[in-house]
Amino acid sequence: MRDEICEKIKENYAEAKVIAECLHVVRELEIGCFLKEVMGILQDELGSDWEVSICDISRNWGGLVLRHNKWIQHACVKLEAQGKFWSKPTVYGVIAPKDKFDRNTIKSRLGELEYFKNSSNSWSESNGWPFYQQIVDFSKDDYIQKLFQTEERDIFRSEIVTTLSQIAQSCKEIFLQES
């Protein structure tokens, strides 16, 4: 099959070159559409007390941010590209930077939540994230292909929405501003 495709490329080189150059654009646009769908569902599900927004996904560390409107500054739940969405794995978790929060207190309080206690996955930590883990890798074709198959996309979107909604709602009380 590979030889046949190579022959077709030779016969239609200009068209094949355009198609090759457009793959990246199509992938980026589809990831953007997918994130907008997730954002809309999360906003409807979480309600008006929550802000759900997309940071520029064409830049490194872009993503989807969830914040309760009564949370203290610098705290959020995020789905974030580790680089760009189409080039490296994507993570999700809680952002509470070490330079803004006492890390031991935050890790202790979050660690008491059922969401983190009952998680079968291991969590990582960084200066910005007391808890994060990989959720998807759009640099891999199998994830991108899910976006083009309606049933797979629906299941995938539902999984992402459920995960982000659960972690946000679990953390709600931890980051509320004191009145």
C-alpha atoms as a PDB file:
ATOM      1  CA  MET A   1       0.000   0.000   0.000  1.00  0.00           C
ATOM      2  CA  ARG A   2       2.839   2.376   0.811  1.00  0.00           C
ATOM      3  CA  ASP A   3       4.295   1.982  -2.679  1.00  0.00           C
ATOM      4  CA  GLU A   4       0.902   2.763  -4.213  1.00  0.00           C
ATOM      5  CA  ILE A   5       0.566   5.904  -2.117  1.00  0.00           C
ATOM      6  CA  CYS A   6       4.081   6.995  -3.092  1.00  0.00           C
ATOM      7  CA  GLU A   7       3.168   6.592  -6.743  1.00  0.00           C
ATOM      8  CA  LYS A   8      -0.002   8.649  -6.264  1.00  0.00           C
ATOM      9  CA  ILE A   9       2.059  11.369  -4.547  1.00  0.00           C
ATOM     10  CA  LYS A  10       4.479  11.419  -7.483  1.00  0.00           C
ATOM     11  CA  GLU A  11       1.582  11.773  -9.884  1.00  0.00           C
ATOM     12  CA  ASN A  12      -0.076  14.499  -7.789  1.00  0.00           C
ATOM     13  CA  TYR A  13       2.858  16.071  -6.001  1.00  0.00           C
ATOM     14  CA  ALA A  14       1.526  19.643  -5.826  1.00  0.00           C
ATOM     15  CA  GLU A  15      -1.790  18.494  -4.383  1.00  0.00           C
ATOM     16  CA  ALA A  16      -0.070  16.114  -1.957  1.00  0.00           C
ATOM     17  CA  LYS A  17       2.160  18.939  -0.734  1.00  0.00           C
ATOM     18  CA  VAL A  18      -0.864  21.158  -0.032  1.00  0.00           C
ATOM     19  CA  ILE A  19      -2.577  18.311   1.846  1.00  0.00           C
ATOM     20  CA  ALA A  20       0.560  17.686   3.925  1.00  0.00           C
ATOM     21  CA  GLU A  21       0.832  21.385   4.789  1.00  0.00           C
ATOM     22  CA  CYS A  22      -2.836  21.519   5.820  1.00  0.00           C
ATOM     23  CA  LEU A  23      -2.729  18.602   8.263  1.00  0.00           C
ATOM     24  CA  HIS A  24      -1.344  20.798  11.042  1.00  0.00           C
ATOM     25  CA  VAL A  25      -3.955  23.499  10.382  1.00  0.00           C
ATOM     26  CA  VAL A  26      -6.829  20.998  10.419  1.00  0.00           C
ATOM     27  CA  ARG A  27      -5.549  19.438  13.657  1.00  0.00           C
ATOM     28  CA  GLU A  28      -5.222  22.858  15.354  1.00  0.00           C
ATOM     29  CA  LEU A  29      -8.691  23.986  14.225  1.00  0.00           C
ATOM     30  CA  GLU A  30     -10.330  20.756  15.335  1.00  0.00           C
ATOM     31  CA  ILE A  31      -8.701  20.857  18.769  1.00  0.00           C
ATOM     32  CA  GLY A  32      -9.960  24.444  19.103  1.00  0.00           C
ATOM     33  CA  CYS A  33     -13.509  23.430  18.167  1.00  0.00           C
ATOM     34  CA  PHE A  34     -13.377  20.510  20.585  1.00  0.00           C
ATOM     35  CA  LEU A  35     -12.214  22.738  23.458  1.00  0.00           C
ATOM     36  CA  LYS A  36     -15.000  25.239  22.697  1.00  0.00           C
ATOM     37  CA  GLU A  37     -17.529  22.408  22.912  1.00  0.00           C
ATOM     38  CA  VAL A  38     -16.072  21.287  26.242  1.00  0.00           C
ATOM     39  CA  MET A  39     -16.087  24.889  27.492  1.00  0.00           C
ATOM     40  CA  GLY A  40     -19.755  25.382  26.566  1.00  0.00           C
ATOM     41  CA  ILE A  41     -20.873  22.173  28.246  1.00  0.00           C
ATOM     42  CA  LEU A  42     -18.853  22.949  31.383  1.00  0.00           C
ATOM     43  CA  GLN A  43     -20.283  26.464  31.591  1.00  0.00           C
ATOM     44  CA  ASP A  44     -23.827  25.097  31.308  1.00  0.00           C
ATOM     45  CA  GLU A  45     -23.148  22.310  33.800  1.00  0.00           C
ATOM     46  CA  LEU A  46     -21.317  24.395  36.412  1.00  0.00           C
ATOM     47  CA  GLY A  47     -23.530  27.465  36.152  1.00  0.00           C
ATOM     48  CA  SER A  48     -23.051  31.193  36.446  1.00  0.00           C
ATOM     49  CA  ASP A  49     -20.901  31.015  39.591  1.00  0.00           C
ATOM     50  CA  TRP A  50     -18.107  29.625  37.435  1.00  0.00           C
ATOM     51  CA  GLU A  51     -15.974  31.190  34.733  1.00  0.00           C
ATOM     52  CA  VAL A  52     -14.829  28.782  32.058  1.00  0.00           C
ATOM     53  CA  SER A  53     -12.486  30.223  29.466  1.00  0.00           C
ATOM     54  CA  ILE A  54      -9.962  29.221  26.843  1.00  0.00           C
ATOM     55  CA  CYS A  55      -6.451  30.639  26.944  1.00  0.00           C
ATOM     56  CA  ASP A  56      -4.812  31.031  23.525  1.00  0.00           C
ATOM     57  CA  ILE A  57      -4.215  27.455  22.368  1.00  0.00           C
ATOM     58  CA  SER A  58      -1.875  28.545  19.591  1.00  0.00           C
ATOM     59  CA  ARG A  59       0.663  29.467  22.285  1.00  0.00           C
ATOM     60  CA  ASN A  60       2.573  27.261  24.688  1.00  0.00           C
ATOM     61  CA  TRP A  61       0.664  26.361  27.851  1.00  0.00           C
ATOM     62  CA  GLY A  62      -2.669  27.453  26.462  1.00  0.00           C
ATOM     63  CA  GLY A  63      -5.724  25.689  27.707  1.00  0.00           C
ATOM     64  CA  LEU A  64      -9.097  25.615  29.334  1.00  0.00           C
ATOM     65  CA  VAL A  65      -9.420  27.366  32.707  1.00  0.00           C
ATOM     66  CA  LEU A  66     -12.153  26.860  35.315  1.00  0.00           C
ATOM     67  CA  ARG A  67     -12.531  29.292  38.214  1.00  0.00           C
ATOM     68  CA  HIS A  68     -15.306  29.799  40.715  1.00  0.00           C
ATOM     69  CA  ASN A  69     -16.119  33.508  40.947  1.00  0.00           C
ATOM     70  CA  LYS A  70     -15.488  33.494  44.720  1.00  0.00           C
ATOM     71  CA  TRP A  71     -12.120  31.760  44.572  1.00  0.00           C
ATOM     72  CA  ILE A  72      -9.014  33.537  45.762  1.00  0.00           C
ATOM     73  CA  GLN A  73      -6.763  34.925  43.062  1.00  0.00           C
ATOM     74  CA  HIS A  74      -4.295  32.592  41.276  1.00  0.00           C
ATOM     75  CA  ALA A  75      -6.257  29.398  42.014  1.00  0.00           C
ATOM     76  CA  CYS A  76      -7.910  27.497  39.178  1.00  0.00           C
ATOM     77  CA  VAL A  77      -8.474  24.131  37.589  1.00  0.00           C
ATOM     78  CA  LYS A  78      -6.916  23.852  34.160  1.00  0.00           C
ATOM     79  CA  LEU A  79      -6.592  21.615  31.150  1.00  0.00           C
ATOM     80  CA  GLU A  80      -3.219  22.730  29.778  1.00  0.00           C
ATOM     81  CA  ALA A  81      -1.003  21.909  26.852  1.00  0.00           C
ATOM     82  CA  GLN A  82       2.568  21.184  27.841  1.00  0.00           C
ATOM     83  CA  GLY A  83       3.847  23.163  24.906  1.00  0.00           C
ATOM     84  CA  LYS A  84       1.178  23.308  22.242  1.00  0.00           C
ATOM     85  CA  PHE A  85      -1.881  21.036  22.179  1.00  0.00           C
ATOM     86  CA  TRP A  86      -0.867  19.281  18.986  1.00  0.00           C
ATOM     87  CA  SER A  87       2.790  18.747  19.888  1.00  0.00           C
ATOM     88  CA  LYS A  88       2.968  17.391  23.451  1.00  0.00           C
ATOM     89  CA  PRO A  89       0.794  15.731  26.098  1.00  0.00           C
ATOM     90  CA  THR A  90      -1.939  17.722  27.801  1.00  0.00           C
ATOM     91  CA  VAL A  91      -2.369  17.749  31.569  1.00  0.00           C
ATOM     92  CA  TYR A  92      -5.125  18.753  33.943  1.00  0.00           C
ATOM     93  CA  GLY A  93      -5.260  19.530  37.607  1.00  0.00           C
ATOM     94  CA  VAL A  94      -5.183  22.294  40.165  1.00  0.00           C
ATOM     95  CA  ILE A  95      -3.095  25.414  39.750  1.00  0.00           C
ATOM     96  CA  ALA A  96      -2.042  27.060  43.015  1.00  0.00           C
ATOM     97  CA  PRO A  97       1.492  28.449  42.524  1.00  0.00           C
ATOM     98  CA  LYS A  98       4.044  27.872  45.281  1.00  0.00           C
ATOM     99  CA  ASP A  99       4.893  31.569  45.402  1.00  0.00           C
ATOM    100  CA  LYS A 100       1.225  32.445  46.103  1.00  0.00           C
ATOM    101  CA  PHE A 101       0.124  29.569  48.362  1.00  0.00           C
ATOM    102  CA  ASP A 102       1.676  27.589  51.174  1.00  0.00           C
ATOM    103  CA  ARG A 103       2.250  24.331  49.324  1.00  0.00           C
ATOM    104  CA  ASN A 104       2.120  22.051  52.367  1.00  0.00           C
ATOM    105  CA  THR A 105      -1.226  23.505  53.448  1.00  0.00           C
ATOM    106  CA  ILE A 106      -2.718  23.302  49.946  1.00  0.00           C
ATOM    107  CA  LYS A 107      -1.488  19.746  49.347  1.00  0.00           C
ATOM    108  CA  SER A 108      -2.781  18.668  52.722  1.00  0.00           C
ATOM    109  CA  ARG A 109      -6.212  20.235  52.202  1.00  0.00           C
ATOM    110  CA  LEU A 110      -6.561  18.983  48.628  1.00  0.00           C
ATOM    111  CA  GLY A 111      -5.226  15.567  49.624  1.00  0.00           C
ATOM    112  CA  GLU A 112      -8.133  15.176  52.051  1.00  0.00           C
ATOM    113  CA  LEU A 113     -10.674  15.523  49.230  1.00  0.00           C
ATOM    114  CA  GLU A 114     -12.325  12.305  48.063  1.00  0.00           C
ATOM    115  CA  TYR A 115     -11.407  13.191  44.483  1.00  0.00           C
ATOM    116  CA  PHE A 116      -7.687  12.941  45.195  1.00  0.00           C
ATOM    117  CA  LYS A 117      -7.875  10.228  47.873  1.00  0.00           C
ATOM    118  CA  ASN A 118      -9.843   7.839  45.693  1.00  0.00           C
ATOM    119  CA  SER A 119      -7.947   8.490  42.492  1.00  0.00           C
ATOM    120  CA  SER A 120      -6.299   5.398  41.070  1.00  0.00           C
ATOM    121  CA  ASN A 121      -3.892   7.609  39.121  1.00  0.00           C
ATOM    122  CA  SER A 122      -0.748   9.045  40.585  1.00  0.00           C
ATOM    123  CA  TRP A 123      -0.500  12.810  40.685  1.00  0.00           C
ATOM    124  CA  SER A 124       2.535  14.917  39.878  1.00  0.00           C
ATOM    125  CA  GLU A 125       3.546  18.262  41.362  1.00  0.00           C
ATOM    126  CA  SER A 126       5.361  21.340  40.047  1.00  0.00           C
ATOM    127  CA  ASN A 127       5.872  24.950  41.129  1.00  0.00           C
ATOM    128  CA  GLY A 128       2.495  25.913  39.685  1.00  0.00           C
ATOM    129  CA  TRP A 129       0.552  22.720  40.206  1.00  0.00           C
ATOM    130  CA  PRO A 130       0.096  20.968  43.568  1.00  0.00           C
ATOM    131  CA  PHE A 131      -1.732  18.178  41.695  1.00  0.00           C
ATOM    132  CA  TYR A 132      -1.653  17.423  37.961  1.00  0.00           C
ATOM    133  CA  GLN A 133      -1.558  14.485  35.602  1.00  0.00           C
ATOM    134  CA  GLN A 134      -1.631  13.730  31.908  1.00  0.00           C
ATOM    135  CA  ILE A 135      -5.081  13.333  30.416  1.00  0.00           C
ATOM    136  CA  VAL A 136      -4.624  13.295  26.620  1.00  0.00           C
ATOM    137  CA  ASP A 137      -1.921  13.562  23.978  1.00  0.00           C
ATOM    138  CA  PHE A 138      -3.149  15.276  20.811  1.00  0.00           C
ATOM    139  CA  SER A 139       0.270  14.753  19.221  1.00  0.00           C
ATOM    140  CA  LYS A 140      -0.789  11.112  18.803  1.00  0.00           C
ATOM    141  CA  ASP A 141      -2.962  10.303  15.822  1.00  0.00           C
ATOM    142  CA  ASP A 142      -5.354   8.051  17.747  1.00  0.00           C
ATOM    143  CA  TYR A 143      -6.548  11.029  19.836  1.00  0.00           C
ATOM    144  CA  ILE A 144      -6.879  13.309  16.802  1.00  0.00           C
ATOM    145  CA  GLN A 145      -8.822  10.635  14.939  1.00  0.00           C
ATOM    146  CA  LYS A 146     -11.345  10.500  17.806  1.00  0.00           C
ATOM    147  CA  LEU A 147     -12.206  14.111  17.023  1.00  0.00           C
ATOM    148  CA  PHE A 148     -13.324  13.160  13.502  1.00  0.00           C
ATOM    149  CA  GLN A 149     -15.545  10.249  14.534  1.00  0.00           C
ATOM    150  CA  THR A 150     -18.836  11.465  15.997  1.00  0.00           C
ATOM    151  CA  GLU A 151     -19.409   8.663  18.500  1.00  0.00           C
ATOM    152  CA  GLU A 152     -15.775   8.612  19.649  1.00  0.00           C
ATOM    153  CA  ARG A 153     -15.762  12.414  19.918  1.00  0.00           C
ATOM    154  CA  ASP A 154     -18.936  12.390  22.031  1.00  0.00           C
ATOM    155  CA  ILE A 155     -17.486   9.815  24.438  1.00  0.00           C
ATOM    156  CA  PHE A 156     -14.145  11.602  24.608  1.00  0.00           C
ATOM    157  CA  ARG A 157     -15.781  15.001  25.192  1.00  0.00           C
ATOM    158  CA  SER A 158     -17.962  13.535  27.930  1.00  0.00           C
ATOM    159  CA  GLU A 159     -14.918  12.046  29.675  1.00  0.00           C
ATOM    160  CA  ILE A 160     -13.054  15.374  29.605  1.00  0.00           C
ATOM    161  CA  VAL A 161     -16.116  17.323  30.814  1.00  0.00           C
ATOM    162  CA  THR A 162     -16.770  14.862  33.640  1.00  0.00           C
ATOM    163  CA  THR A 163     -13.153  14.890  34.775  1.00  0.00           C
ATOM    164  CA  LEU A 164     -12.828  18.682  34.786  1.00  0.00           C
ATOM    165  CA  SER A 165     -16.240  19.209  36.384  1.00  0.00           C
ATOM    166  CA  GLN A 166     -15.502  16.720  39.166  1.00  0.00           C
ATOM    167  CA  ILE A 167     -12.135  18.205  40.052  1.00  0.00           C
ATOM    168  CA  ALA A 168     -13.477  21.785  39.956  1.00  0.00           C
ATOM    169  CA  GLN A 169     -16.460  20.985  42.148  1.00  0.00           C
ATOM    170  CA  SER A 170     -14.275  19.001  44.540  1.00  0.00           C
ATOM    171  CA  CYS A 171     -11.951  21.972  44.997  1.00  0.00           C
ATOM    172  CA  LYS A 172     -14.682  24.573  45.308  1.00  0.00           C
ATOM    173  CA  GLU A 173     -14.597  24.995  49.093  1.00  0.00           C
ATOM    174  CA  ILE A 174     -10.795  24.889  49.357  1.00  0.00           C
ATOM    175  CA  PHE A 175     -10.254  28.107  47.394  1.00  0.00           C
ATOM    176  CA  LEU A 176     -13.233  30.218  48.498  1.00  0.00           C
ATOM    177  CA  GLN A 177     -12.303  33.724  49.595  1.00  0.00           C
ATOM    178  CA  GLU A 178     -12.992  34.516  53.180  1.00  0.00           C
ATOM    179  CA  SER A 179     -15.780  37.082  53.448  1.00  0.00           C
END
